[in-house]
Structure formats: structure tokens, C-alpha cells
PDB file of N, CA and C in Angstrom:
ATOM      1  N   MET A   1       0.521  -1.393  -0.055  1.00  0.00           N
ATOM      2  CA  MET A   1       0.211   0.051   0.280  1.00  0.00           C
ATOM      3  C   MET A   1       0.884   1.102  -0.317  1.00  0.00           C
ATOM      4  N   LYS A   2       1.918   1.177   0.394  1.00  0.00           N
ATOM      5  CA  LYS A   2       3.064   2.169   0.897  1.00  0.00           C
ATOM      6  C   LYS A   2       3.202   2.474  -0.755  1.00  0.00           C
ATOM      7  N   GLU A   3       3.767   1.659  -1.519  1.00  0.00           N
ATOM      8  CA  GLU A   3       4.151   2.182  -2.718  1.00  0.00           C
ATOM      9  C   GLU A   3       3.195   2.697  -3.703  1.00  0.00           C
ATOM     10  N   LEU A   4       1.656   2.002  -3.324  1.00  0.00           N
ATOM     11  CA  LEU A   4       0.814   2.967  -4.165  1.00  0.00           C
ATOM     12  C   LEU A   4       0.795   4.448  -4.120  1.00  0.00           C
ATOM     13  N   LEU A   5       0.314   4.667  -2.511  1.00  0.00           N
ATOM     14  CA  LEU A   5       0.370   6.125  -1.707  1.00  0.00           C
ATOM     15  C   LEU A   5       1.703   6.854  -2.297  1.00  0.00           C
ATOM     16  N   THR A   6       3.145   6.112  -2.443  1.00  0.00           N
ATOM     17  CA  THR A   6       4.047   7.109  -3.380  1.00  0.00           C
ATOM     18  C   THR A   6       4.134   7.470  -4.458  1.00  0.00           C
ATOM     19  N   TYR A   7       3.574   6.580  -5.437  1.00  0.00           N
ATOM     20  CA  TYR A   7       3.222   6.927  -6.452  1.00  0.00           C
ATOM     21  C   TYR A   7       2.036   7.827  -6.910  1.00  0.00           C
ATOM     22  N   ILE A   8       1.124   7.747  -6.594  1.00  0.00           N
ATOM     23  CA  ILE A   8       0.499   8.774  -6.651  1.00  0.00           C
ATOM     24  C   ILE A   8       0.965  10.107  -6.258  1.00  0.00           C
ATOM     25  N   ALA A   9       1.496  10.433  -5.170  1.00  0.00           N
ATOM     26  CA  ALA A   9       2.048  11.662  -4.076  1.00  0.00           C
ATOM     27  C   ALA A   9       3.124  11.759  -5.440  1.00  0.00           C
ATOM     28  N   LYS A  10       3.814  10.671  -5.841  1.00  0.00           N
ATOM     29  CA  LYS A  10       5.189  11.250  -6.861  1.00  0.00           C
ATOM     30  C   LYS A  10       4.410  12.327  -7.740  1.00  0.00           C
ATOM     31  N   SER A  11       3.141  11.224  -8.469  1.00  0.00           N
ATOM     32  CA  SER A  11       2.577  11.746  -9.868  1.00  0.00           C
ATOM     33  C   SER A  11       1.953  13.115  -9.802  1.00  0.00           C
ATOM     34  N   LEU A  12       1.892  13.462  -8.500  1.00  0.00           N
ATOM     35  CA  LEU A  12       1.029  14.413  -8.358  1.00  0.00           C
ATOM     36  C   LEU A  12       1.672  16.052  -8.091  1.00  0.00           C
ATOM     37  N   VAL A  13       2.980  15.847  -7.689  1.00  0.00           N
ATOM     38  CA  VAL A  13       3.739  17.411  -7.237  1.00  0.00           C
ATOM     39  C   VAL A  13       5.007  17.268  -8.298  1.00  0.00           C
ATOM     40  N   ASP A  14       5.378  18.892  -8.082  1.00  0.00           N
ATOM     41  CA  ASP A  14       6.275  19.322  -8.824  1.00  0.00           C
ATOM     42  C   ASP A  14       7.797  18.641  -8.659  1.00  0.00           C
ATOM     43  N   ASN A  15       8.166  18.318  -6.934  1.00  0.00           N
ATOM     44  CA  ASN A  15       9.242  17.784  -6.552  1.00  0.00           C
ATOM     45  C   ASN A  15       8.866  16.653  -6.458  1.00  0.00           C
ATOM     46  N   PRO A  16       8.947  15.793  -7.023  1.00  0.00           N
ATOM     47  CA  PRO A  16       8.816  14.235  -6.381  1.00  0.00           C
ATOM     48  C   PRO A  16      10.159  13.410  -5.862  1.00  0.00           C
ATOM     49  N   ASP A  17      11.055  14.157  -5.741  1.00  0.00           N
ATOM     50  CA  ASP A  17      11.876  13.924  -4.640  1.00  0.00           C
ATOM     51  C   ASP A  17      11.990  14.307  -3.308  1.00  0.00           C
ATOM     52  N   GLU A  18      11.171  15.309  -3.411  1.00  0.00           N
ATOM     53  CA  GLU A  18      10.771  15.695  -2.303  1.00  0.00           C
ATOM     54  C   GLU A  18       9.608  14.889  -1.129  1.00  0.00           C
ATOM     55  N   VAL A  19       9.018  13.932  -1.923  1.00  0.00           N
ATOM     56  CA  VAL A  19       8.130  13.177  -1.501  1.00  0.00           C
ATOM     57  C   VAL A  19       8.486  12.086  -0.309  1.00  0.00           C
ATOM     58  N   ASN A  20       8.161  12.061   0.752  1.00  0.00           N
ATOM     59  CA  ASN A  20       8.353  11.200   1.861  1.00  0.00           C
ATOM     60  C   ASN A  20       7.402  10.544   2.698  1.00  0.00           C
ATOM     61  N   ILE A  21       6.856   9.411   3.105  1.00  0.00           N
ATOM     62  CA  ILE A  21       6.002   8.801   3.428  1.00  0.00           C
ATOM     63  C   ILE A  21       6.759   7.973   4.554  1.00  0.00           C
ATOM     64  N   VAL A  22       5.998   8.180   6.170  1.00  0.00           N
ATOM     65  CA  VAL A  22       6.362   7.216   6.513  1.00  0.00           C
ATOM     66  C   VAL A  22       5.077   6.555   6.986  1.00  0.00           C
ATOM     67  N   GLU A  23       5.532   5.426   7.384  1.00  0.00           N
ATOM     68  CA  GLU A  23       3.897   3.963   7.963  1.00  0.00           C
ATOM     69  C   GLU A  23       4.631   3.917   9.435  1.00  0.00           C
ATOM     70  N   ARG A  24       3.301   4.079  10.066  1.00  0.00           N
ATOM     71  CA  ARG A  24       3.632   3.770  11.438  1.00  0.00           C
ATOM     72  C   ARG A  24       2.303   3.004  11.416  1.00  0.00           C
ATOM     73  N   GLU A  25       2.247   1.577  12.415  1.00  0.00           N
ATOM     74  CA  GLU A  25       1.346   1.099  12.403  1.00  0.00           C
ATOM     75  C   GLU A  25       1.289   0.937  14.345  1.00  0.00           C
ATOM     76  N   ASN A  26      -0.181   0.764  14.429  1.00  0.00           N
ATOM     77  CA  ASN A  26      -0.547   0.479  16.220  1.00  0.00           C
ATOM     78  C   ASN A  26      -1.584  -0.649  16.193  1.00  0.00           C
ATOM     79  N   GLU A  27      -2.303  -0.871  17.093  1.00  0.00           N
ATOM     80  CA  GLU A  27      -3.262  -2.060  17.314  1.00  0.00           C
ATOM     81  C   GLU A  27      -4.006  -1.520  16.074  1.00  0.00           C
ATOM     82  N   ALA A  28      -4.923  -0.614  15.892  1.00  0.00           N
ATOM     83  CA  ALA A  28      -6.213  -0.557  15.214  1.00  0.00           C
ATOM     84  C   ALA A  28      -5.823  -0.136  13.802  1.00  0.00           C
ATOM     85  N   GLU A  29      -4.926   0.563  13.244  1.00  0.00           N
ATOM     86  CA  GLU A  29      -4.852   0.778  12.155  1.00  0.00           C
ATOM     87  C   GLU A  29      -3.355   1.029  11.520  1.00  0.00           C
ATOM     88  N   THR A  30      -3.124   1.553  10.314  1.00  0.00           N
ATOM     89  CA  THR A  30      -2.169   1.416   9.732  1.00  0.00           C
ATOM     90  C   THR A  30      -2.017   3.201   9.461  1.00  0.00           C
ATOM     91  N   VAL A  31      -1.058   4.104   9.666  1.00  0.00           N
ATOM     92  CA  VAL A  31      -1.502   5.373   9.690  1.00  0.00           C
ATOM     93  C   VAL A  31      -0.125   5.846   8.522  1.00  0.00           C
ATOM     94  N   PHE A  32      -0.627   6.274   7.871  1.00  0.00           N
ATOM     95  CA  PHE A  32       0.843   6.815   6.873  1.00  0.00           C
ATOM     96  C   PHE A  32       0.808   8.229   6.712  1.00  0.00           C
ATOM     97  N   GLU A  33       1.949   9.079   6.792  1.00  0.00           N
ATOM     98  CA  GLU A  33       2.302  10.430   7.288  1.00  0.00           C
ATOM     99  C   GLU A  33       3.515  10.720   5.606  1.00  0.00           C
ATOM    100  N   VAL A  34       2.160  11.519   5.118  1.00  0.00           N
ATOM    101  CA  VAL A  34       3.239  11.862   3.537  1.00  0.00           C
ATOM    102  C   VAL A  34       3.675  13.477   4.515  1.00  0.00           C
ATOM    103  N   ARG A  35       4.778  13.898   3.983  1.00  0.00           N
ATOM    104  CA  ARG A  35       5.587  14.971   3.571  1.00  0.00           C
ATOM    105  C   ARG A  35       5.615  15.323   2.144  1.00  0.00           C
ATOM    106  N   VAL A  36       5.460  16.617   1.474  1.00  0.00           N
ATOM    107  CA  VAL A  36       5.989  17.263   0.561  1.00  0.00           C
ATOM    108  C   VAL A  36       6.628  18.084   0.732  1.00  0.00           C
ATOM    109  N   ALA A  37       7.348  19.063  -0.340  1.00  0.00           N
ATOM    110  CA  ALA A  37       8.013  20.268  -0.485  1.00  0.00           C
ATOM    111  C   ALA A  37       6.667  21.150   0.047  1.00  0.00           C
ATOM    112  N   ASP A  38       7.191  22.685   0.341  1.00  0.00           N
ATOM    113  CA  ASP A  38       6.295  23.213   0.563  1.00  0.00           C
ATOM    114  C   ASP A  38       5.641  23.511  -0.147  1.00  0.00           C
ATOM    115  N   GLY A  39       6.230  24.131  -1.723  1.00  0.00           N
ATOM    116  CA  GLY A  39       5.350  24.505  -2.659  1.00  0.00           C
ATOM    117  C   GLY A  39       4.850  23.262  -3.478  1.00  0.00           C
ATOM    118  N   ASP A  40       4.814  22.109  -2.778  1.00  0.00           N
ATOM    119  CA  ASP A  40       3.718  20.982  -3.584  1.00  0.00           C
ATOM    120  C   ASP A  40       2.424  20.829  -2.592  1.00  0.00           C
ATOM    121  N   MET A  41       2.627  21.154  -1.139  1.00  0.00           N
ATOM    122  CA  MET A  41       0.987  21.136  -0.713  1.00  0.00           C
ATOM    123  C   MET A  41       0.112  21.362  -1.231  1.00  0.00           C
ATOM    124  N   GLY A  42      -0.552  22.222  -1.985  1.00  0.00           N
ATOM    125  CA  GLY A  42      -1.451  22.514  -2.475  1.00  0.00           C
ATOM    126  C   GLY A  42      -2.308  21.477  -3.424  1.00  0.00           C
ATOM    127  N   LYS A  43      -0.745  21.269  -3.916  1.00  0.00           N
ATOM    128  CA  LYS A  43      -0.957  20.475  -5.476  1.00  0.00           C
ATOM    129  C   LYS A  43      -1.624  18.834  -4.813  1.00  0.00           C
ATOM    130  N   ILE A  44      -1.096  18.721  -3.331  1.00  0.00           N
ATOM    131  CA  ILE A  44      -1.052  16.924  -2.493  1.00  0.00           C
ATOM    132  C   ILE A  44      -2.715  17.544  -2.460  1.00  0.00           C
ATOM    133  N   ILE A  45      -2.926  18.402  -1.467  1.00  0.00           N
ATOM    134  CA  ILE A  45      -4.522  18.434  -0.490  1.00  0.00           C
ATOM    135  C   ILE A  45      -5.708  18.968  -1.558  1.00  0.00           C
ATOM    136  N   GLY A  46      -5.146  19.959  -2.906  1.00  0.00           N
ATOM    137  CA  GLY A  46      -6.259  20.092  -3.700  1.00  0.00           C
ATOM    138  C   GLY A  46      -7.081  21.530  -3.143  1.00  0.00           C
ATOM    139  N   ARG A  47      -8.123  21.576  -4.669  1.00  0.00           N
ATOM    140  CA  ARG A  47      -9.555  22.707  -3.769  1.00  0.00           C
ATOM    141  C   ARG A  47     -10.098  22.330  -2.840  1.00  0.00           C
ATOM    142  N   GLN A  48      -9.901  22.811  -1.406  1.00  0.00           N
ATOM    143  CA  GLN A  48     -11.254  22.720  -0.672  1.00  0.00           C
ATOM    144  C   GLN A  48     -10.843  21.166   0.105  1.00  0.00           C
ATOM    145  N   GLY A  49      -9.289  20.129  -0.603  1.00  0.00           N
ATOM    146  CA  GLY A  49      -9.276  19.203   0.249  1.00  0.00           C
ATOM    147  C   GLY A  49     -10.217  17.851  -0.886  1.00  0.00           C
ATOM    148  N   ARG A  50     -10.171  17.903  -2.016  1.00  0.00           N
ATOM    149  CA  ARG A  50     -10.684  17.252  -2.799  1.00  0.00           C
ATOM    150  C   ARG A  50      -9.701  16.440  -2.895  1.00  0.00           C
ATOM    151  N   ILE A  51      -8.667  16.343  -3.365  1.00  0.00           N
ATOM    152  CA  ILE A  51      -7.230  15.707  -3.829  1.00  0.00           C
ATOM    153  C   ILE A  51      -7.144  14.538  -3.052  1.00  0.00           C
ATOM    154  N   VAL A  52      -6.616  15.441  -1.875  1.00  0.00           N
ATOM    155  CA  VAL A  52      -6.247  14.102  -0.131  1.00  0.00           C
ATOM    156  C   VAL A  52      -7.717  13.635   0.128  1.00  0.00           C
ATOM    157  N   LYS A  53      -8.614  14.266  -0.191  1.00  0.00           N
ATOM    158  CA  LYS A  53     -10.070  13.178   0.232  1.00  0.00           C
ATOM    159  C   LYS A  53      -9.961  12.057  -0.666  1.00  0.00           C
ATOM    160  N   GLU A  54     -10.012  11.932  -1.554  1.00  0.00           N
ATOM    161  CA  GLU A  54      -9.732  11.083  -2.825  1.00  0.00           C
ATOM    162  C   GLU A  54      -8.893  10.059  -2.749  1.00  0.00           C
ATOM    163  N   ILE A  55      -7.822  10.828  -2.315  1.00  0.00           N
ATOM    164  CA  ILE A  55      -6.312   9.891  -1.962  1.00  0.00           C
ATOM    165  C   ILE A  55      -6.929   8.922  -0.922  1.00  0.00           C
ATOM    166  N   ARG A  56      -7.752   9.476   0.596  1.00  0.00           N
ATOM    167  CA  ARG A  56      -7.578   8.590   1.352  1.00  0.00           C
ATOM    168  C   ARG A  56      -9.015   7.638   0.785  1.00  0.00           C
ATOM    169  N   ILE A  57      -9.995   8.323   0.501  1.00  0.00           N
ATOM    170  CA  ILE A  57     -11.263   7.035  -0.247  1.00  0.00           C
ATOM    171  C   ILE A  57     -10.322   5.575  -0.870  1.00  0.00           C
ATOM    172  N   LEU A  58      -9.325   5.987  -1.493  1.00  0.00           N
ATOM    173  CA  LEU A  58      -9.010   4.909  -2.220  1.00  0.00           C
ATOM    174  C   LEU A  58      -8.125   4.346  -1.709  1.00  0.00           C
ATOM    175  N   MET A  59      -7.253   4.620  -0.353  1.00  0.00           N
ATOM    176  CA  MET A  59      -6.530   3.756   0.363  1.00  0.00           C
ATOM    177  C   MET A  59      -7.265   3.392   1.173  1.00  0.00           C
ATOM    178  N   ARG A  60      -8.392   3.744   1.235  1.00  0.00           N
ATOM    179  CA  ARG A  60      -9.362   2.959   2.382  1.00  0.00           C
ATOM    180  C   ARG A  60      -9.817   1.603   1.663  1.00  0.00           C
ATOM    181  N   ALA A  61     -10.260   2.203   0.275  1.00  0.00           N
ATOM    182  CA  ALA A  61     -10.701   0.780  -0.037  1.00  0.00           C
ATOM    183  C   ALA A  61      -9.716   0.096  -0.469  1.00  0.00           C
ATOM    184  N   VAL A  62      -8.254  -0.036  -0.983  1.00  0.00           N
ATOM    185  CA  VAL A  62      -7.138  -1.254  -1.242  1.00  0.00           C
ATOM    186  C   VAL A  62      -7.059  -1.740   0.094  1.00  0.00           C
ATOM    187  N   ALA A  63      -6.905  -0.877   1.405  1.00  0.00           N
ATOM    188  CA  ALA A  63      -7.102  -1.508   3.109  1.00  0.00           C
ATOM    189  C   ALA A  63      -8.080  -2.894   3.341  1.00  0.00           C
ATOM    190  N   GLN A  64      -9.267  -1.776   3.103  1.00  0.00           N
ATOM    191  CA  GLN A  64     -10.438  -3.040   3.075  1.00  0.00           C
ATOM    192  C   GLN A  64     -10.458  -4.054   2.421  1.00  0.00           C
ATOM    193  N   ARG A  65     -10.103  -3.966   1.213  1.00  0.00           N
ATOM    194  CA  ARG A  65      -9.721  -5.506   0.364  1.00  0.00           C
ATOM    195  C   ARG A  65      -9.312  -6.847   0.970  1.00  0.00           C
ATOM    196  N   GLN A  66      -8.003  -5.795   1.784  1.00  0.00           N
ATOM    197  CA  GLN A  66      -6.503  -6.329   2.499  1.00  0.00           C
ATOM    198  C   GLN A  66      -7.330  -6.826   4.179  1.00  0.00           C
ATOM    199  N   GLY A  67      -8.376  -6.264   4.514  1.00  0.00           N
ATOM    200  CA  GLY A  67      -8.716  -6.541   5.682  1.00  0.00           C
ATOM    201  C   GLY A  67      -8.408  -5.612   6.592  1.00  0.00           C
ATOM    202  N   LYS A  68      -7.360  -4.691   6.367  1.00  0.00           N
ATOM    203  CA  LYS A  68      -6.857  -3.579   6.861  1.00  0.00           C
ATOM    204  C   LYS A  68      -7.531  -2.451   7.285  1.00  0.00           C
ATOM    205  N   LYS A  69      -7.444  -1.573   8.059  1.00  0.00           N
ATOM    206  CA  LYS A  69      -7.785  -0.270   8.119  1.00  0.00           C
ATOM    207  C   LYS A  69      -6.335   0.653   8.155  1.00  0.00           C
ATOM    208  N   VAL A  70      -7.228   1.790   7.235  1.00  0.00           N
ATOM    209  CA  VAL A  70      -5.846   2.565   7.277  1.00  0.00           C
ATOM    210  C   VAL A  70      -5.933   4.238   7.175  1.00  0.00           C
ATOM    211  N   SER A  71      -4.815   5.242   7.077  1.00  0.00           N
ATOM    212  CA  SER A  71      -5.814   6.493   7.019  1.00  0.00           C
ATOM    213  C   SER A  71      -4.234   7.180   6.747  1.00  0.00           C
ATOM    214  N   VAL A  72      -4.448   8.004   5.972  1.00  0.00           N
ATOM    215  CA  VAL A  72      -3.667   9.270   5.412  1.00  0.00           C
ATOM    216  C   VAL A  72      -3.639  10.076   5.816  1.00  0.00           C
ATOM    217  N   GLU A  73      -2.317  11.070   6.690  1.00  0.00           N
ATOM    218  CA  GLU A  73      -1.787  12.177   6.946  1.00  0.00           C
ATOM    219  C   GLU A  73      -1.151  13.213   6.214  1.00  0.00           C
ATOM    220  N   ILE A  74      -1.571  14.169   5.860  1.00  0.00           N
ATOM    221  CA  ILE A  74      -0.444  15.137   5.299  1.00  0.00           C
ATOM    222  C   ILE A  74      -0.179  15.998   6.177  1.00  0.00           C
ATOM    223  N   MET A  75       1.115  15.868   6.114  1.00  0.00           N
ATOM    224  CA  MET A  75       2.149  17.148   7.589  1.00  0.00           C
ATOM    225  C   MET A  75       2.626  17.890   6.814  1.00  0.00           C
ATOM    226  N   ASP A  76       3.441  19.093   7.510  1.00  0.00           N
ATOM    227  CA  ASP A  76       3.889  19.921   7.409  1.00  0.00           C
ATOM    228  C   ASP A  76       5.438  19.965   7.839  1.00  0.00           C
TER     229      ASP A  76
END
């Protein structure tokens, strides 16, 4: 799943080398922390948060097929 999220994030931004994704697992779910360059923050979030909302929906759908729970957080 991390590979999918990395591919999506790198495809959206101008500086793909600046994309950093950290995967944290706790007993309930897996949390992906996404960090991008300051100039790319708007591209990953989108207008009114539409792009990040769709990324979260897609990642939850993939996780559900594997019987897991996942969340995606955009970090500053």
C-alpha cells in the first residue's frame, strides 16, 4: 500500500524527490504520514481538500480488500 501512495503522491507534485512517506502501525490501524515540499502542499491537498479526500478514499478501499484499516495524514 505504501508503494501505491508513493506513486500517487509523486505523480501529483512538481518535486517528486521531496516526497517522504512514513508508515506507522498501531493495534487498530496503519497511519501513513505524507510530507512534500512546501510548494507542492496545495497540489497534494487540492481545492477544498478534494484531492487528499480522494486519496484517502482510494487507500481505504485498498486496505479494506486486505482486511486492514488505514488513514492518510498530510504533514507540514
